[in-house]
Amino acid sequence: MKTTKKFIFAAAAAMFASVAVAQVPPRPIEITTPGIVVAGSYDKAKLPKEAHEFIAKYFPGATVVKCEQYYAKGKVSVELNTGVDIDFDMKGNPVEVEAPDRAALPREVVKKLLHDTAFARLIADGYADKVESIEIKRGRVVEVSVDKRDPDTYIFDINGLFIALED
């Protein structure tokens, strides 16, 4: 009889212990490394010389107020005190330039970033002074957004050949 009581007591203790353990919440996993960094602050002094020259030439007097690097995209995004946003590749070439709201990019910037044929098309259509943004996509296609009713985006190939007009 003593053995049976010990056995029942041991079984009850084991059952109680398993219930108690099951009710303890699991400890959260603590991540001690930063993981994959998608973007982060970038020292504007480290911008390539070409980026500094572009800003000085086409946006004289403007200063960099924000600078971030997007590691996965291989670019650095710069915001000027004038509200202009510029994305540079890691060599300092502008790949996207965007005017602030309700403003247009300077004509000199548009001429610099577009092939002569694409620039001539904008002049012919009356939009050379109404360009809101220019984005060079993978070195193959250039999207030019202008201030007009839809469709408002000109698509050119890198050689200035007009491809489409989209919204």
N, C-alpha and C. Protein backbone atom coordinates (compact mmCIF):
# COMPACT_ATOMS: atom_id res chain seq x y z
N MET A 1 0.81 -1.18 0.00
CA MET A 1 0.00 0.00 0.00
C MET A 1 0.87 1.26 0.00
N LYS A 2 1.98 1.23 0.75
CA LYS A 2 2.87 2.36 0.78
C LYS A 2 3.42 2.62 -0.61
N THR A 3 3.71 1.60 -1.38
CA THR A 3 4.25 1.76 -2.73
C THR A 3 3.21 2.40 -3.63
N THR A 4 1.97 2.01 -3.49
CA THR A 4 0.90 2.59 -4.31
C THR A 4 0.73 4.06 -3.99
N LYS A 5 0.78 4.44 -2.71
CA LYS A 5 0.65 5.85 -2.33
C LYS A 5 1.81 6.66 -2.89
N LYS A 6 3.02 6.09 -2.82
CA LYS A 6 4.19 6.78 -3.35
C LYS A 6 4.03 6.98 -4.86
N PHE A 7 3.54 5.92 -5.51
CA PHE A 7 3.36 5.99 -6.96
C PHE A 7 2.33 7.06 -7.33
N ILE A 8 1.21 7.10 -6.63
CA ILE A 8 0.16 8.08 -6.89
C ILE A 8 0.69 9.48 -6.59
N PHE A 9 1.42 9.62 -5.49
CA PHE A 9 1.99 10.93 -5.13
C PHE A 9 2.98 11.40 -6.20
N ALA A 10 3.82 10.50 -6.69
CA ALA A 10 4.81 10.83 -7.71
C ALA A 10 4.12 11.22 -9.02
N ALA A 11 3.06 10.49 -9.38
CA ALA A 11 2.31 10.80 -10.61
C ALA A 11 1.64 12.16 -10.50
N ALA A 12 1.07 12.45 -9.35
CA ALA A 12 0.41 13.74 -9.14
C ALA A 12 1.43 14.87 -9.19
N ALA A 13 2.59 14.68 -8.59
CA ALA A 13 3.64 15.70 -8.62
C ALA A 13 4.13 15.95 -10.04
N ALA A 14 4.29 14.90 -10.81
CA ALA A 14 4.73 15.03 -12.21
C ALA A 14 3.69 15.78 -13.03
N MET A 15 2.43 15.46 -12.81
CA MET A 15 1.36 16.12 -13.55
C MET A 15 1.31 17.60 -13.18
N PHE A 16 1.45 17.93 -11.90
CA PHE A 16 1.44 19.31 -11.44
C PHE A 16 2.62 20.09 -12.04
N ALA A 17 3.76 19.47 -12.08
CA ALA A 17 4.96 20.12 -12.63
C ALA A 17 4.79 20.41 -14.12
N SER A 18 4.21 19.49 -14.86
CA SER A 18 4.04 19.70 -16.31
C SER A 18 3.02 20.81 -16.57
N VAL A 19 1.98 20.92 -15.75
CA VAL A 19 1.00 21.99 -15.91
C VAL A 19 1.63 23.33 -15.57
N ALA A 20 2.44 23.36 -14.52
CA ALA A 20 3.10 24.60 -14.12
C ALA A 20 4.07 25.07 -15.20
N VAL A 21 4.80 24.17 -15.79
CA VAL A 21 5.75 24.52 -16.84
C VAL A 21 5.01 25.00 -18.08
N ALA A 22 3.89 24.37 -18.39
CA ALA A 22 3.14 24.75 -19.58
C ALA A 22 2.56 26.15 -19.47
N GLN A 23 2.34 26.64 -18.24
CA GLN A 23 1.75 27.95 -18.08
C GLN A 23 2.77 29.07 -18.03
N VAL A 24 4.05 28.77 -18.00
CA VAL A 24 5.08 29.79 -17.99
C VAL A 24 5.21 30.33 -19.42
N PRO A 25 5.02 31.63 -19.60
CA PRO A 25 5.12 32.17 -20.96
C PRO A 25 6.55 32.04 -21.47
N PRO A 26 6.69 31.79 -22.77
CA PRO A 26 8.04 31.66 -23.31
C PRO A 26 8.76 33.01 -23.26
N ARG A 27 10.04 32.96 -23.09
CA ARG A 27 10.84 34.18 -23.05
C ARG A 27 10.98 34.70 -24.47
N PRO A 28 10.84 36.01 -24.65
CA PRO A 28 10.98 36.55 -26.00
C PRO A 28 12.42 36.40 -26.49
N ILE A 29 12.55 36.23 -27.78
CA ILE A 29 13.87 36.12 -28.37
C ILE A 29 14.48 37.51 -28.39
N GLU A 30 15.67 37.61 -27.86
CA GLU A 30 16.35 38.90 -27.81
C GLU A 30 17.31 39.00 -28.98
N ILE A 31 17.12 40.02 -29.81
CA ILE A 31 17.98 40.22 -30.96
C ILE A 31 19.07 41.20 -30.54
N THR A 32 20.31 40.77 -30.66
CA THR A 32 21.40 41.61 -30.20
C THR A 32 22.17 42.26 -31.34
N THR A 33 21.88 41.86 -32.57
CA THR A 33 22.55 42.47 -33.72
C THR A 33 21.54 43.31 -34.49
N PRO A 34 21.99 44.30 -35.27
CA PRO A 34 21.04 45.16 -35.96
C PRO A 34 20.29 44.49 -37.10
N GLY A 35 20.74 43.35 -37.57
CA GLY A 35 20.07 42.69 -38.68
C GLY A 35 20.38 43.39 -39.99
N ILE A 36 19.52 43.24 -40.95
CA ILE A 36 19.73 43.86 -42.25
C ILE A 36 19.36 45.33 -42.16
N VAL A 37 20.27 46.18 -42.53
CA VAL A 37 20.04 47.62 -42.49
C VAL A 37 19.55 48.05 -43.87
N VAL A 38 18.39 48.65 -43.92
CA VAL A 38 17.80 49.08 -45.18
C VAL A 38 18.21 50.51 -45.50
N ALA A 39 18.20 51.37 -44.52
CA ALA A 39 18.57 52.76 -44.73
C ALA A 39 19.14 53.32 -43.45
N GLY A 40 19.91 54.37 -43.59
CA GLY A 40 20.46 55.01 -42.42
C GLY A 40 21.06 56.36 -42.74
N SER A 41 21.34 57.12 -41.71
CA SER A 41 21.95 58.43 -41.89
C SER A 41 23.27 58.29 -42.63
N TYR A 42 23.59 59.34 -43.37
CA TYR A 42 24.81 59.34 -44.17
C TYR A 42 25.46 60.70 -43.99
N ASP A 43 26.75 60.70 -43.77
CA ASP A 43 27.49 61.94 -43.58
C ASP A 43 27.59 62.67 -44.91
N LYS A 44 26.99 63.84 -45.00
CA LYS A 44 26.97 64.58 -46.26
C LYS A 44 28.37 64.93 -46.74
N ALA A 45 29.32 64.99 -45.83
CA ALA A 45 30.70 65.27 -46.23
C ALA A 45 31.29 64.11 -47.03
N LYS A 46 30.70 62.91 -46.87
CA LYS A 46 31.19 61.73 -47.59
C LYS A 46 30.56 61.57 -48.97
N LEU A 47 29.65 62.47 -49.34
CA LEU A 47 29.08 62.40 -50.68
C LEU A 47 30.20 62.51 -51.70
N PRO A 48 30.11 61.78 -52.81
CA PRO A 48 31.15 61.89 -53.83
C PRO A 48 31.28 63.33 -54.34
N LYS A 49 32.44 63.67 -54.79
CA LYS A 49 32.74 65.01 -55.29
C LYS A 49 31.73 65.42 -56.37
N GLU A 50 31.34 64.49 -57.23
CA GLU A 50 30.40 64.77 -58.32
C GLU A 50 29.05 65.23 -57.78
N ALA A 51 28.61 64.65 -56.67
CA ALA A 51 27.33 65.05 -56.06
C ALA A 51 27.43 66.47 -55.52
N HIS A 52 28.53 66.78 -54.84
CA HIS A 52 28.72 68.15 -54.32
C HIS A 52 28.76 69.15 -55.47
N GLU A 53 29.43 68.79 -56.56
CA GLU A 53 29.54 69.70 -57.71
C GLU A 53 28.17 69.92 -58.36
N PHE A 54 27.38 68.86 -58.48
CA PHE A 54 26.04 68.97 -59.06
C PHE A 54 25.18 69.92 -58.25
N ILE A 55 25.19 69.75 -56.94
CA ILE A 55 24.39 70.61 -56.06
C ILE A 55 24.86 72.06 -56.18
N ALA A 56 26.16 72.27 -56.12
CA ALA A 56 26.70 73.64 -56.17
C ALA A 56 26.39 74.32 -57.50
N LYS A 57 26.47 73.58 -58.60
CA LYS A 57 26.25 74.17 -59.92
C LYS A 57 24.78 74.45 -60.21
N TYR A 58 23.90 73.48 -59.90
CA TYR A 58 22.51 73.61 -60.30
C TYR A 58 21.57 74.13 -59.20
N PHE A 59 22.06 74.15 -57.98
CA PHE A 59 21.27 74.67 -56.87
C PHE A 59 22.16 75.57 -56.01
N PRO A 60 22.69 76.65 -56.60
CA PRO A 60 23.65 77.50 -55.88
C PRO A 60 23.02 78.09 -54.62
N GLY A 61 23.78 78.07 -53.55
CA GLY A 61 23.33 78.61 -52.27
C GLY A 61 22.53 77.62 -51.45
N ALA A 62 22.11 76.51 -52.04
CA ALA A 62 21.34 75.50 -51.29
C ALA A 62 22.28 74.70 -50.39
N THR A 63 21.72 74.27 -49.28
CA THR A 63 22.49 73.43 -48.36
C THR A 63 21.77 72.11 -48.13
N VAL A 64 22.54 71.09 -47.82
CA VAL A 64 21.99 69.76 -47.54
C VAL A 64 21.50 69.75 -46.10
N VAL A 65 20.20 69.44 -45.93
CA VAL A 65 19.62 69.39 -44.58
C VAL A 65 19.38 67.96 -44.11
N LYS A 66 19.36 67.01 -45.06
CA LYS A 66 19.14 65.62 -44.71
C LYS A 66 19.85 64.75 -45.73
N CYS A 67 20.47 63.70 -45.24
CA CYS A 67 21.22 62.81 -46.12
C CYS A 67 21.09 61.39 -45.59
N GLU A 68 20.57 60.48 -46.42
CA GLU A 68 20.38 59.09 -46.01
C GLU A 68 20.89 58.16 -47.10
N GLN A 69 21.44 57.04 -46.68
CA GLN A 69 21.88 56.03 -47.63
C GLN A 69 20.89 54.88 -47.64
N TYR A 70 20.49 54.45 -48.83
CA TYR A 70 19.62 53.29 -49.01
C TYR A 70 20.50 52.17 -49.54
N TYR A 71 20.88 51.28 -48.65
CA TYR A 71 21.87 50.25 -48.96
C TYR A 71 21.39 49.30 -50.05
N ALA A 72 20.17 48.83 -49.97
CA ALA A 72 19.67 47.86 -50.95
C ALA A 72 19.57 48.46 -52.35
N LYS A 73 19.27 49.74 -52.42
CA LYS A 73 19.13 50.39 -53.73
C LYS A 73 20.44 50.99 -54.22
N GLY A 74 21.45 51.03 -53.36
CA GLY A 74 22.74 51.56 -53.76
C GLY A 74 22.69 53.04 -54.09
N LYS A 75 21.97 53.80 -53.28
CA LYS A 75 21.87 55.23 -53.54
C LYS A 75 21.86 56.02 -52.25
N VAL A 76 22.13 57.31 -52.40
CA VAL A 76 22.09 58.25 -51.29
C VAL A 76 21.05 59.30 -51.62
N SER A 77 20.14 59.55 -50.69
CA SER A 77 19.08 60.52 -50.87
C SER A 77 19.43 61.79 -50.10
N VAL A 78 19.33 62.92 -50.78
CA VAL A 78 19.68 64.20 -50.20
C VAL A 78 18.47 65.13 -50.27
N GLU A 79 18.21 65.84 -49.19
CA GLU A 79 17.18 66.86 -49.19
C GLU A 79 17.86 68.21 -48.98
N LEU A 80 17.55 69.15 -49.86
CA LEU A 80 18.13 70.49 -49.76
C LEU A 80 17.20 71.40 -48.97
N ASN A 81 17.75 72.49 -48.45
CA ASN A 81 16.94 73.43 -47.68
C ASN A 81 15.88 74.11 -48.54
N THR A 82 15.98 74.00 -49.86
CA THR A 82 14.99 74.56 -50.77
C THR A 82 13.80 73.63 -50.97
N GLY A 83 13.89 72.40 -50.43
CA GLY A 83 12.82 71.42 -50.59
C GLY A 83 13.07 70.44 -51.72
N VAL A 84 14.12 70.63 -52.48
CA VAL A 84 14.46 69.72 -53.57
C VAL A 84 15.03 68.44 -52.99
N ASP A 85 14.58 67.29 -53.53
CA ASP A 85 15.12 65.98 -53.16
C ASP A 85 15.93 65.45 -54.33
N ILE A 86 17.12 64.95 -54.04
CA ILE A 86 17.99 64.39 -55.07
C ILE A 86 18.49 63.04 -54.59
N ASP A 87 18.39 62.04 -55.46
CA ASP A 87 18.98 60.73 -55.19
C ASP A 87 20.19 60.58 -56.10
N PHE A 88 21.31 60.19 -55.49
CA PHE A 88 22.55 59.96 -56.23
C PHE A 88 22.91 58.49 -56.14
N ASP A 89 23.52 57.96 -57.21
CA ASP A 89 24.10 56.63 -57.08
C ASP A 89 25.39 56.77 -56.28
N MET A 90 26.05 55.69 -55.98
CA MET A 90 27.22 55.75 -55.11
C MET A 90 28.43 56.40 -55.78
N LYS A 91 28.33 56.68 -57.08
CA LYS A 91 29.40 57.39 -57.79
C LYS A 91 29.14 58.90 -57.82
N GLY A 92 27.97 59.32 -57.34
CA GLY A 92 27.64 60.74 -57.31
C GLY A 92 26.83 61.22 -58.49
N ASN A 93 26.34 60.30 -59.32
CA ASN A 93 25.49 60.68 -60.45
C ASN A 93 24.04 60.82 -59.99
N PRO A 94 23.38 61.91 -60.37
CA PRO A 94 21.96 62.04 -59.97
C PRO A 94 21.11 61.02 -60.73
N VAL A 95 20.27 60.29 -60.00
CA VAL A 95 19.37 59.32 -60.63
C VAL A 95 17.91 59.71 -60.45
N GLU A 96 17.66 60.66 -59.55
CA GLU A 96 16.30 61.18 -59.39
C GLU A 96 16.39 62.57 -58.77
N VAL A 97 15.64 63.49 -59.35
CA VAL A 97 15.58 64.86 -58.82
C VAL A 97 14.11 65.24 -58.77
N GLU A 98 13.68 65.73 -57.61
CA GLU A 98 12.26 66.09 -57.44
C GLU A 98 12.15 67.48 -56.83
N ALA A 99 11.35 68.32 -57.48
CA ALA A 99 11.10 69.68 -56.99
C ALA A 99 10.15 69.62 -55.79
N PRO A 100 10.16 70.64 -54.96
CA PRO A 100 9.18 70.68 -53.86
C PRO A 100 7.77 70.83 -54.42
N ASP A 101 6.77 70.60 -53.59
CA ASP A 101 5.37 70.74 -54.02
C ASP A 101 5.12 72.10 -54.65
N ARG A 102 4.34 72.09 -55.72
CA ARG A 102 3.94 73.30 -56.45
C ARG A 102 5.11 74.10 -57.00
N ALA A 103 6.17 73.38 -57.37
CA ALA A 103 7.34 74.04 -57.95
C ALA A 103 7.86 73.19 -59.10
N ALA A 104 8.70 73.79 -59.91
CA ALA A 104 9.31 73.09 -61.04
C ALA A 104 10.82 73.11 -60.87
N LEU A 105 11.46 72.15 -61.51
CA LEU A 105 12.92 72.10 -61.50
C LEU A 105 13.48 73.19 -62.41
N PRO A 106 14.64 73.71 -62.08
CA PRO A 106 15.27 74.69 -62.97
C PRO A 106 15.51 74.08 -64.35
N ARG A 107 15.32 74.87 -65.37
CA ARG A 107 15.47 74.42 -66.75
C ARG A 107 16.86 73.81 -66.99
N GLU A 108 17.89 74.38 -66.35
CA GLU A 108 19.26 73.88 -66.53
C GLU A 108 19.39 72.45 -66.03
N VAL A 109 18.69 72.11 -64.95
CA VAL A 109 18.72 70.75 -64.40
C VAL A 109 18.06 69.79 -65.39
N VAL A 110 16.92 70.20 -65.92
CA VAL A 110 16.19 69.37 -66.89
C VAL A 110 17.08 69.11 -68.10
N LYS A 111 17.70 70.15 -68.61
CA LYS A 111 18.58 70.01 -69.79
C LYS A 111 19.76 69.09 -69.48
N LYS A 112 20.33 69.23 -68.30
CA LYS A 112 21.49 68.41 -67.90
C LYS A 112 21.13 66.93 -67.83
N LEU A 113 19.97 66.61 -67.28
CA LEU A 113 19.62 65.21 -67.03
C LEU A 113 18.99 64.49 -68.22
N LEU A 114 18.48 65.26 -69.18
CA LEU A 114 17.80 64.62 -70.32
C LEU A 114 18.68 64.64 -71.57
N HIS A 115 18.44 63.66 -72.40
CA HIS A 115 19.05 63.64 -73.73
C HIS A 115 18.49 64.83 -74.51
N ASP A 116 19.27 65.38 -75.43
CA ASP A 116 18.83 66.55 -76.20
C ASP A 116 17.49 66.32 -76.89
N THR A 117 17.27 65.11 -77.40
CA THR A 117 16.02 64.79 -78.10
C THR A 117 14.83 64.85 -77.14
N ALA A 118 15.00 64.32 -75.95
CA ALA A 118 13.92 64.35 -74.95
C ALA A 118 13.66 65.79 -74.51
N PHE A 119 14.72 66.55 -74.30
CA PHE A 119 14.57 67.95 -73.91
C PHE A 119 13.84 68.74 -75.00
N ALA A 120 14.19 68.49 -76.27
CA ALA A 120 13.52 69.16 -77.40
C ALA A 120 12.04 68.83 -77.42
N ARG A 121 11.68 67.60 -77.08
CA ARG A 121 10.27 67.19 -77.05
C ARG A 121 9.52 67.99 -75.98
N LEU A 122 10.12 68.16 -74.83
CA LEU A 122 9.48 68.94 -73.77
C LEU A 122 9.32 70.40 -74.17
N ILE A 123 10.32 70.95 -74.85
CA ILE A 123 10.22 72.34 -75.33
C ILE A 123 9.08 72.44 -76.33
N ALA A 124 9.02 71.52 -77.29
CA ALA A 124 7.98 71.54 -78.32
C ALA A 124 6.58 71.43 -77.71
N ASP A 125 6.46 70.64 -76.65
CA ASP A 125 5.15 70.47 -76.00
C ASP A 125 4.85 71.56 -74.97
N GLY A 126 5.82 72.44 -74.72
CA GLY A 126 5.60 73.54 -73.78
C GLY A 126 5.77 73.19 -72.32
N TYR A 127 6.52 72.13 -72.02
CA TYR A 127 6.66 71.69 -70.63
C TYR A 127 8.09 71.72 -70.09
N ALA A 128 9.02 72.30 -70.81
CA ALA A 128 10.42 72.32 -70.35
C ALA A 128 10.58 73.07 -69.03
N ASP A 129 9.71 74.03 -68.78
CA ASP A 129 9.77 74.81 -67.53
C ASP A 129 8.74 74.35 -66.50
N LYS A 130 8.12 73.20 -66.74
CA LYS A 130 7.09 72.69 -65.82
C LYS A 130 7.41 71.28 -65.34
N VAL A 131 8.69 70.92 -65.33
CA VAL A 131 9.10 69.58 -64.91
C VAL A 131 9.17 69.52 -63.39
N GLU A 132 8.41 68.59 -62.82
CA GLU A 132 8.38 68.41 -61.37
C GLU A 132 9.40 67.40 -60.88
N SER A 133 9.66 66.36 -61.70
CA SER A 133 10.65 65.36 -61.29
C SER A 133 11.19 64.62 -62.51
N ILE A 134 12.40 64.13 -62.34
CA ILE A 134 13.05 63.30 -63.36
C ILE A 134 13.64 62.10 -62.63
N GLU A 135 13.34 60.90 -63.14
CA GLU A 135 13.89 59.69 -62.55
C GLU A 135 14.50 58.83 -63.65
N ILE A 136 15.76 58.50 -63.47
CA ILE A 136 16.46 57.63 -64.41
C ILE A 136 16.40 56.22 -63.82
N LYS A 137 15.69 55.34 -64.51
CA LYS A 137 15.46 53.99 -63.98
C LYS A 137 16.41 53.00 -64.63
N ARG A 138 17.29 52.47 -63.82
CA ARG A 138 18.24 51.43 -64.22
C ARG A 138 19.06 51.81 -65.45
N GLY A 139 19.25 53.09 -65.66
CA GLY A 139 20.06 53.53 -66.77
C GLY A 139 19.48 53.23 -68.14
N ARG A 140 18.18 52.92 -68.20
CA ARG A 140 17.54 52.56 -69.47
C ARG A 140 16.37 53.45 -69.83
N VAL A 141 15.61 53.85 -68.82
CA VAL A 141 14.39 54.61 -69.05
C VAL A 141 14.41 55.86 -68.18
N VAL A 142 13.89 56.94 -68.72
CA VAL A 142 13.81 58.19 -67.97
C VAL A 142 12.35 58.59 -67.88
N GLU A 143 11.86 58.78 -66.65
CA GLU A 143 10.49 59.23 -66.43
C GLU A 143 10.53 60.70 -66.05
N VAL A 144 9.75 61.50 -66.75
CA VAL A 144 9.72 62.95 -66.51
C VAL A 144 8.28 63.33 -66.16
N SER A 145 8.06 63.75 -64.92
CA SER A 145 6.73 64.18 -64.50
C SER A 145 6.63 65.69 -64.67
N VAL A 146 5.54 66.12 -65.31
CA VAL A 146 5.35 67.55 -65.56
C VAL A 146 4.06 68.03 -64.92
N ASP A 147 3.94 69.34 -64.77
CA ASP A 147 2.76 69.94 -64.17
C ASP A 147 1.70 70.11 -65.25
N LYS A 148 0.85 69.10 -65.40
CA LYS A 148 -0.27 69.14 -66.33
C LYS A 148 -1.27 68.08 -65.91
N ARG A 149 -2.44 68.15 -66.47
CA ARG A 149 -3.46 67.13 -66.18
C ARG A 149 -3.00 65.80 -66.77
N ASP A 150 -3.54 64.73 -66.21
CA ASP A 150 -3.16 63.39 -66.68
C ASP A 150 -3.40 63.25 -68.18
N PRO A 151 -2.60 62.55 -68.87
CA PRO A 151 -1.35 61.92 -68.44
C PRO A 151 -0.26 62.96 -68.23
N ASP A 152 0.53 62.77 -67.19
CA ASP A 152 1.51 63.79 -66.82
C ASP A 152 2.95 63.29 -66.74
N THR A 153 3.21 62.08 -67.20
CA THR A 153 4.56 61.53 -67.13
C THR A 153 5.03 61.10 -68.51
N TYR A 154 6.09 61.75 -68.95
CA TYR A 154 6.73 61.37 -70.21
C TYR A 154 7.70 60.24 -69.92
N ILE A 155 7.72 59.25 -70.79
CA ILE A 155 8.66 58.15 -70.69
C ILE A 155 9.56 58.19 -71.93
N PHE A 156 10.87 58.26 -71.69
CA PHE A 156 11.86 58.27 -72.76
C PHE A 156 12.84 57.14 -72.52
N ASP A 157 13.46 56.63 -73.59
CA ASP A 157 14.59 55.73 -73.36
C ASP A 157 15.81 56.60 -73.08
N ILE A 158 16.91 56.00 -72.74
CA ILE A 158 18.09 56.75 -72.32
C ILE A 158 18.66 57.60 -73.46
N ASN A 159 18.32 57.25 -74.71
CA ASN A 159 18.78 58.01 -75.89
C ASN A 159 17.81 59.10 -76.30
N GLY A 160 16.79 59.35 -75.49
CA GLY A 160 15.86 60.43 -75.75
C GLY A 160 14.67 60.06 -76.62
N LEU A 161 14.57 58.81 -77.04
CA LEU A 161 13.44 58.36 -77.85
C LEU A 161 12.18 58.35 -77.00
N PHE A 162 11.14 59.04 -77.46
CA PHE A 162 9.86 59.09 -76.74
C PHE A 162 9.20 57.73 -76.80
N ILE A 163 8.79 57.21 -75.65
CA ILE A 163 8.16 55.91 -75.57
C ILE A 163 6.67 56.03 -75.30
N ALA A 164 6.30 56.83 -74.30
CA ALA A 164 4.89 56.90 -73.92
C ALA A 164 4.63 58.13 -73.07
N LEU A 165 3.34 58.40 -72.92
CA LEU A 165 2.85 59.43 -72.00
C LEU A 165 1.87 58.72 -71.07
N GLU A 166 2.18 58.70 -69.77
CA GLU A 166 1.38 57.93 -68.81
C GLU A 166 0.87 58.83 -67.69
N ASP A 167 -0.07 58.28 -66.87
CA ASP A 167 -0.54 59.00 -65.68
C ASP A 167 0.38 58.66 -64.55
